[in-house]
Amino acid sequence: MERKSRNTKQKELLNEEIKKFNSFFTPEELLIRSKKKDSHLGIATVYRFLSDLTDKSKLHSYICNRKTIYSFQDNNHCHFICKKCGKIEHIKVNSLDFIKNKINGQICHFQIDVTGLCKECSKN
């Protein structure tokens, strides 16, 4: 069942502020920017707002360092994670051509976590 959505001043403010991000952002970053204009705004409102946009496919969500981040662009978000030291490195993966024919649909964006040993840990 779809939630009814009212257009409130807080949503208008969040819409204004969210458009100022050029890349990935967290709910907390959106709250900090928005609270400068409305000190009564709470994190629950921000989470509901972001969830609503994500449900409507107007916003993309990813997991980075165990936190949800958001972006308007359907950028890909990929990590290499060292299983020994826990270091996380962002990596660029431009294509999933090798998997396209296995998917019954169209790829919008993707997130990949690759686990292994970093250079430093593989020396030991």
N, C-alpha and C. Protein backbone atom coordinates (compact mmCIF):
# COMPACT_ATOMS: atom_id res chain seq x y z
N MET A 1 0.84 -1.18 0.00
CA MET A 1 0.00 0.00 0.00
C MET A 1 0.89 1.25 0.00
N GLU A 2 0.60 2.15 -0.87
CA GLU A 2 1.39 3.38 -0.99
C GLU A 2 0.99 4.38 0.09
N ARG A 3 2.02 4.97 0.70
CA ARG A 3 1.75 5.99 1.73
C ARG A 3 1.27 7.27 1.07
N LYS A 4 0.34 7.93 1.72
CA LYS A 4 -0.09 9.25 1.26
C LYS A 4 1.02 10.24 1.57
N SER A 5 1.29 11.10 0.64
CA SER A 5 2.37 12.06 0.81
C SER A 5 1.82 13.47 0.72
N ARG A 6 2.03 14.22 1.79
CA ARG A 6 1.62 15.62 1.79
C ARG A 6 2.83 16.47 1.44
N ASN A 7 2.59 17.57 0.79
CA ASN A 7 3.68 18.49 0.49
C ASN A 7 3.76 19.51 1.62
N THR A 8 4.75 19.35 2.49
CA THR A 8 4.90 20.23 3.63
C THR A 8 6.07 21.18 3.41
N LYS A 9 6.17 22.19 4.27
CA LYS A 9 7.30 23.11 4.19
C LYS A 9 8.62 22.38 4.42
N GLN A 10 8.60 21.38 5.33
CA GLN A 10 9.82 20.62 5.59
C GLN A 10 10.23 19.81 4.36
N LYS A 11 9.29 19.21 3.67
CA LYS A 11 9.61 18.47 2.44
C LYS A 11 10.14 19.41 1.36
N GLU A 12 9.54 20.59 1.27
CA GLU A 12 10.02 21.57 0.30
C GLU A 12 11.47 21.95 0.61
N LEU A 13 11.76 22.16 1.89
CA LEU A 13 13.12 22.49 2.31
C LEU A 13 14.07 21.35 1.99
N LEU A 14 13.68 20.12 2.32
CA LEU A 14 14.54 18.96 2.03
C LEU A 14 14.77 18.81 0.53
N ASN A 15 13.73 19.04 -0.27
CA ASN A 15 13.88 19.00 -1.73
C ASN A 15 14.88 20.04 -2.20
N GLU A 16 14.82 21.22 -1.65
CA GLU A 16 15.75 22.30 -1.98
C GLU A 16 17.19 21.89 -1.66
N GLU A 17 17.38 21.41 -0.44
CA GLU A 17 18.72 21.09 0.05
C GLU A 17 19.32 19.85 -0.62
N ILE A 18 18.50 18.89 -0.93
CA ILE A 18 18.99 17.64 -1.52
C ILE A 18 19.57 17.89 -2.91
N LYS A 19 19.02 18.87 -3.61
CA LYS A 19 19.48 19.17 -4.97
C LYS A 19 20.86 19.82 -4.99
N LYS A 20 21.34 20.26 -3.85
CA LYS A 20 22.65 20.91 -3.76
C LYS A 20 23.80 19.91 -3.67
N PHE A 21 23.48 18.63 -3.46
CA PHE A 21 24.53 17.61 -3.39
C PHE A 21 24.95 17.22 -4.80
N ASN A 22 26.26 17.17 -5.03
CA ASN A 22 26.79 16.77 -6.34
C ASN A 22 27.14 15.29 -6.40
N SER A 23 27.18 14.65 -5.26
CA SER A 23 27.60 13.26 -5.22
C SER A 23 26.80 12.53 -4.15
N PHE A 24 27.38 11.50 -3.60
CA PHE A 24 26.74 10.72 -2.54
C PHE A 24 26.59 11.57 -1.28
N PHE A 25 25.54 11.30 -0.51
CA PHE A 25 25.34 11.99 0.77
C PHE A 25 24.62 11.07 1.73
N THR A 26 24.72 11.39 3.00
CA THR A 26 24.06 10.62 4.05
C THR A 26 22.84 11.39 4.55
N PRO A 27 21.93 10.70 5.23
CA PRO A 27 20.79 11.40 5.83
C PRO A 27 21.26 12.46 6.83
N GLU A 28 22.32 12.15 7.56
CA GLU A 28 22.83 13.11 8.55
C GLU A 28 23.35 14.38 7.89
N GLU A 29 24.01 14.23 6.74
CA GLU A 29 24.50 15.41 6.02
C GLU A 29 23.34 16.27 5.54
N LEU A 30 22.28 15.62 5.06
CA LEU A 30 21.09 16.37 4.62
C LEU A 30 20.45 17.08 5.81
N LEU A 31 20.39 16.41 6.95
CA LEU A 31 19.81 17.02 8.15
C LEU A 31 20.61 18.25 8.58
N ILE A 32 21.92 18.14 8.61
CA ILE A 32 22.78 19.26 9.04
C ILE A 32 22.54 20.48 8.14
N ARG A 33 22.52 20.26 6.83
CA ARG A 33 22.28 21.38 5.90
C ARG A 33 20.89 21.98 6.11
N SER A 34 19.90 21.12 6.28
CA SER A 34 18.52 21.58 6.37
C SER A 34 18.20 22.25 7.69
N LYS A 35 18.84 21.80 8.77
CA LYS A 35 18.56 22.38 10.09
C LYS A 35 19.00 23.84 10.19
N LYS A 36 19.89 24.27 9.29
CA LYS A 36 20.30 25.67 9.28
C LYS A 36 19.13 26.57 8.94
N LYS A 37 18.14 26.02 8.22
CA LYS A 37 16.96 26.80 7.82
C LYS A 37 15.72 26.45 8.63
N ASP A 38 15.72 25.25 9.26
CA ASP A 38 14.57 24.84 10.09
C ASP A 38 15.11 24.00 11.24
N SER A 39 15.28 24.64 12.38
CA SER A 39 15.88 23.97 13.54
C SER A 39 14.98 22.89 14.13
N HIS A 40 13.71 22.85 13.75
CA HIS A 40 12.78 21.86 14.29
C HIS A 40 12.79 20.55 13.50
N LEU A 41 13.49 20.53 12.40
CA LEU A 41 13.54 19.34 11.54
C LEU A 41 14.25 18.21 12.27
N GLY A 42 13.70 17.00 12.19
CA GLY A 42 14.29 15.85 12.87
C GLY A 42 14.77 14.79 11.90
N ILE A 43 15.62 13.90 12.38
CA ILE A 43 16.19 12.85 11.54
C ILE A 43 15.12 11.88 11.03
N ALA A 44 14.08 11.64 11.81
CA ALA A 44 13.01 10.73 11.37
C ALA A 44 12.32 11.27 10.11
N THR A 45 12.12 12.57 10.07
CA THR A 45 11.51 13.21 8.89
C THR A 45 12.41 13.03 7.67
N VAL A 46 13.72 13.20 7.88
CA VAL A 46 14.69 13.04 6.79
C VAL A 46 14.66 11.61 6.28
N TYR A 47 14.67 10.63 7.18
CA TYR A 47 14.63 9.22 6.77
C TYR A 47 13.35 8.90 6.00
N ARG A 48 12.21 9.38 6.46
CA ARG A 48 10.94 9.14 5.76
C ARG A 48 10.98 9.78 4.36
N PHE A 49 11.51 10.99 4.28
CA PHE A 49 11.62 11.71 3.01
C PHE A 49 12.50 10.93 2.03
N LEU A 50 13.67 10.47 2.48
CA LEU A 50 14.58 9.73 1.62
C LEU A 50 14.00 8.38 1.21
N SER A 51 13.33 7.73 2.14
CA SER A 51 12.70 6.44 1.85
C SER A 51 11.62 6.60 0.78
N ASP A 52 10.84 7.66 0.89
CA ASP A 52 9.79 7.93 -0.08
C ASP A 52 10.37 8.16 -1.47
N LEU A 53 11.43 8.95 -1.56
CA LEU A 53 12.06 9.21 -2.87
C LEU A 53 12.67 7.93 -3.45
N THR A 54 13.26 7.11 -2.59
CA THR A 54 13.86 5.86 -3.05
C THR A 54 12.77 4.91 -3.54
N ASP A 55 11.67 4.81 -2.79
CA ASP A 55 10.54 3.95 -3.20
C ASP A 55 9.97 4.37 -4.55
N LYS A 56 10.01 5.67 -4.83
CA LYS A 56 9.48 6.18 -6.10
C LYS A 56 10.54 6.19 -7.20
N SER A 57 11.73 5.62 -6.93
CA SER A 57 12.85 5.54 -7.89
C SER A 57 13.35 6.91 -8.33
N LYS A 58 13.19 7.92 -7.47
CA LYS A 58 13.71 9.25 -7.76
C LYS A 58 15.09 9.44 -7.14
N LEU A 59 15.51 8.48 -6.33
CA LEU A 59 16.77 8.55 -5.61
C LEU A 59 17.33 7.14 -5.52
N HIS A 60 18.65 7.01 -5.56
CA HIS A 60 19.30 5.71 -5.47
C HIS A 60 19.99 5.58 -4.12
N SER A 61 19.92 4.40 -3.53
CA SER A 61 20.58 4.18 -2.24
C SER A 61 21.62 3.09 -2.37
N TYR A 62 22.68 3.23 -1.58
CA TYR A 62 23.80 2.30 -1.56
C TYR A 62 24.23 2.11 -0.11
N ILE A 63 25.02 1.07 0.14
CA ILE A 63 25.59 0.85 1.46
C ILE A 63 27.09 1.11 1.36
N CYS A 64 27.61 1.94 2.24
CA CYS A 64 29.04 2.27 2.27
C CYS A 64 29.46 2.35 3.73
N ASN A 65 30.43 1.55 4.12
CA ASN A 65 30.89 1.50 5.51
C ASN A 65 29.73 1.27 6.47
N ARG A 66 28.86 0.35 6.10
CA ARG A 66 27.69 -0.04 6.91
C ARG A 66 26.69 1.09 7.12
N LYS A 67 26.74 2.12 6.26
CA LYS A 67 25.78 3.22 6.32
C LYS A 67 25.10 3.36 4.96
N THR A 68 23.85 3.76 4.98
CA THR A 68 23.15 4.01 3.72
C THR A 68 23.51 5.40 3.23
N ILE A 69 23.91 5.46 1.97
CA ILE A 69 24.18 6.74 1.31
C ILE A 69 23.25 6.85 0.11
N TYR A 70 23.07 8.07 -0.37
CA TYR A 70 22.11 8.32 -1.43
C TYR A 70 22.74 9.14 -2.54
N SER A 71 22.14 9.05 -3.73
CA SER A 71 22.59 9.84 -4.87
C SER A 71 21.45 9.94 -5.88
N PHE A 72 21.37 11.08 -6.58
CA PHE A 72 20.41 11.21 -7.66
C PHE A 72 20.90 10.48 -8.90
N GLN A 73 22.22 10.44 -9.08
CA GLN A 73 22.78 9.74 -10.23
C GLN A 73 22.74 8.24 -9.97
N ASP A 74 22.57 7.49 -11.03
CA ASP A 74 22.60 6.04 -10.88
C ASP A 74 24.04 5.55 -11.04
N ASN A 75 24.92 6.18 -10.25
CA ASN A 75 26.32 5.79 -10.22
C ASN A 75 26.45 4.39 -9.65
N ASN A 76 27.53 3.75 -10.00
CA ASN A 76 27.84 2.45 -9.43
C ASN A 76 28.72 2.68 -8.22
N HIS A 77 28.61 1.80 -7.24
CA HIS A 77 29.35 1.98 -5.99
C HIS A 77 29.99 0.65 -5.62
N CYS A 78 31.31 0.60 -5.72
CA CYS A 78 32.01 -0.67 -5.52
C CYS A 78 33.17 -0.51 -4.54
N HIS A 79 33.41 -1.58 -3.75
CA HIS A 79 34.47 -1.57 -2.74
C HIS A 79 35.35 -2.80 -2.85
N PHE A 80 36.61 -2.64 -2.48
CA PHE A 80 37.49 -3.76 -2.18
C PHE A 80 37.72 -3.72 -0.68
N ILE A 81 37.42 -4.82 0.01
CA ILE A 81 37.52 -4.87 1.46
C ILE A 81 38.56 -5.90 1.86
N CYS A 82 39.56 -5.48 2.62
CA CYS A 82 40.59 -6.41 3.10
C CYS A 82 40.01 -7.21 4.27
N LYS A 83 40.03 -8.54 4.14
CA LYS A 83 39.44 -9.38 5.18
C LYS A 83 40.33 -9.49 6.42
N LYS A 84 41.58 -9.03 6.29
CA LYS A 84 42.48 -9.11 7.45
C LYS A 84 42.47 -7.81 8.26
N CYS A 85 42.71 -6.67 7.61
CA CYS A 85 42.81 -5.40 8.33
C CYS A 85 41.52 -4.58 8.29
N GLY A 86 40.59 -4.94 7.39
CA GLY A 86 39.31 -4.24 7.32
C GLY A 86 39.33 -2.98 6.46
N LYS A 87 40.47 -2.65 5.87
CA LYS A 87 40.57 -1.46 5.02
C LYS A 87 39.59 -1.57 3.85
N ILE A 88 38.90 -0.46 3.58
CA ILE A 88 37.93 -0.41 2.48
C ILE A 88 38.43 0.60 1.45
N GLU A 89 38.48 0.15 0.22
CA GLU A 89 38.93 1.01 -0.88
C GLU A 89 37.82 1.07 -1.92
N HIS A 90 37.48 2.28 -2.35
CA HIS A 90 36.50 2.43 -3.42
C HIS A 90 37.18 2.06 -4.75
N ILE A 91 36.49 1.27 -5.55
CA ILE A 91 37.02 0.88 -6.85
C ILE A 91 36.01 1.24 -7.93
N LYS A 92 36.50 1.45 -9.14
CA LYS A 92 35.62 1.82 -10.25
C LYS A 92 35.39 0.60 -11.13
N VAL A 93 34.14 0.23 -11.28
CA VAL A 93 33.74 -0.84 -12.19
C VAL A 93 32.76 -0.21 -13.17
N ASN A 94 33.13 -0.17 -14.43
CA ASN A 94 32.31 0.52 -15.42
C ASN A 94 31.27 -0.35 -16.10
N SER A 95 31.49 -1.66 -16.11
CA SER A 95 30.61 -2.49 -16.91
C SER A 95 30.33 -3.82 -16.22
N LEU A 96 29.12 -4.29 -16.42
CA LEU A 96 28.74 -5.63 -15.98
C LEU A 96 28.35 -6.47 -17.19
N ASP A 97 29.04 -6.25 -18.31
CA ASP A 97 28.70 -6.97 -19.54
C ASP A 97 28.68 -8.48 -19.32
N PHE A 98 29.56 -8.99 -18.45
CA PHE A 98 29.64 -10.42 -18.22
C PHE A 98 28.40 -10.99 -17.55
N ILE A 99 27.56 -10.17 -16.99
CA ILE A 99 26.39 -10.66 -16.26
C ILE A 99 25.06 -10.22 -16.89
N LYS A 100 25.11 -9.31 -17.83
CA LYS A 100 23.89 -8.75 -18.43
C LYS A 100 22.95 -9.83 -18.97
N ASN A 101 23.50 -10.85 -19.63
CA ASN A 101 22.63 -11.87 -20.24
C ASN A 101 22.06 -12.84 -19.21
N LYS A 102 22.49 -12.75 -17.96
CA LYS A 102 21.96 -13.60 -16.90
C LYS A 102 20.84 -12.92 -16.12
N ILE A 103 20.60 -11.66 -16.41
CA ILE A 103 19.60 -10.88 -15.69
C ILE A 103 18.37 -10.71 -16.57
N ASN A 104 17.22 -11.04 -16.01
CA ASN A 104 15.96 -10.89 -16.73
C ASN A 104 15.42 -9.49 -16.45
N GLY A 105 16.00 -8.51 -17.10
CA GLY A 105 15.61 -7.12 -16.90
C GLY A 105 16.74 -6.20 -17.29
N GLN A 106 16.64 -4.96 -16.87
CA GLN A 106 17.61 -3.95 -17.24
C GLN A 106 18.31 -3.45 -15.98
N ILE A 107 19.63 -3.33 -16.03
CA ILE A 107 20.41 -2.85 -14.88
C ILE A 107 20.35 -1.34 -14.84
N CYS A 108 19.99 -0.79 -13.68
CA CYS A 108 19.97 0.66 -13.47
C CYS A 108 21.32 1.10 -12.90
N HIS A 109 21.69 0.51 -11.77
CA HIS A 109 22.98 0.77 -11.14
C HIS A 109 23.34 -0.46 -10.33
N PHE A 110 24.57 -0.53 -9.87
CA PHE A 110 24.97 -1.69 -9.09
C PHE A 110 25.94 -1.31 -7.99
N GLN A 111 26.00 -2.20 -7.01
CA GLN A 111 26.94 -2.06 -5.90
C GLN A 111 27.61 -3.42 -5.74
N ILE A 112 28.94 -3.41 -5.67
CA ILE A 112 29.70 -4.65 -5.53
C ILE A 112 30.70 -4.48 -4.40
N ASP A 113 30.77 -5.49 -3.54
CA ASP A 113 31.80 -5.56 -2.51
C ASP A 113 32.68 -6.77 -2.82
N VAL A 114 33.95 -6.52 -3.05
CA VAL A 114 34.93 -7.57 -3.33
C VAL A 114 35.81 -7.70 -2.09
N THR A 115 35.97 -8.93 -1.60
CA THR A 115 36.76 -9.17 -0.39
C THR A 115 38.02 -9.92 -0.75
N GLY A 116 39.13 -9.55 -0.10
CA GLY A 116 40.42 -10.21 -0.32
C GLY A 116 41.44 -9.68 0.65
N LEU A 117 42.70 -9.76 0.27
CA LEU A 117 43.80 -9.23 1.08
C LEU A 117 44.42 -8.04 0.37
N CYS A 118 44.58 -6.92 1.08
CA CYS A 118 45.24 -5.75 0.49
C CYS A 118 46.73 -6.06 0.32
N LYS A 119 47.45 -5.18 -0.39
CA LYS A 119 48.88 -5.39 -0.65
C LYS A 119 49.66 -5.58 0.64
N GLU A 120 49.38 -4.72 1.63
CA GLU A 120 50.13 -4.78 2.88
C GLU A 120 49.89 -6.11 3.61
N CYS A 121 48.66 -6.53 3.69
CA CYS A 121 48.34 -7.78 4.40
C CYS A 121 48.78 -9.02 3.65
N SER A 122 48.82 -8.95 2.32
CA SER A 122 49.25 -10.12 1.55
C SER A 122 50.75 -10.34 1.63
N LYS A 123 51.50 -9.31 2.06
CA LYS A 123 52.96 -9.44 2.26
C LYS A 123 53.27 -10.25 3.51
N ASN A 124 52.40 -10.21 4.49
CA ASN A 124 52.64 -10.88 5.78
C ASN A 124 52.24 -12.33 5.74
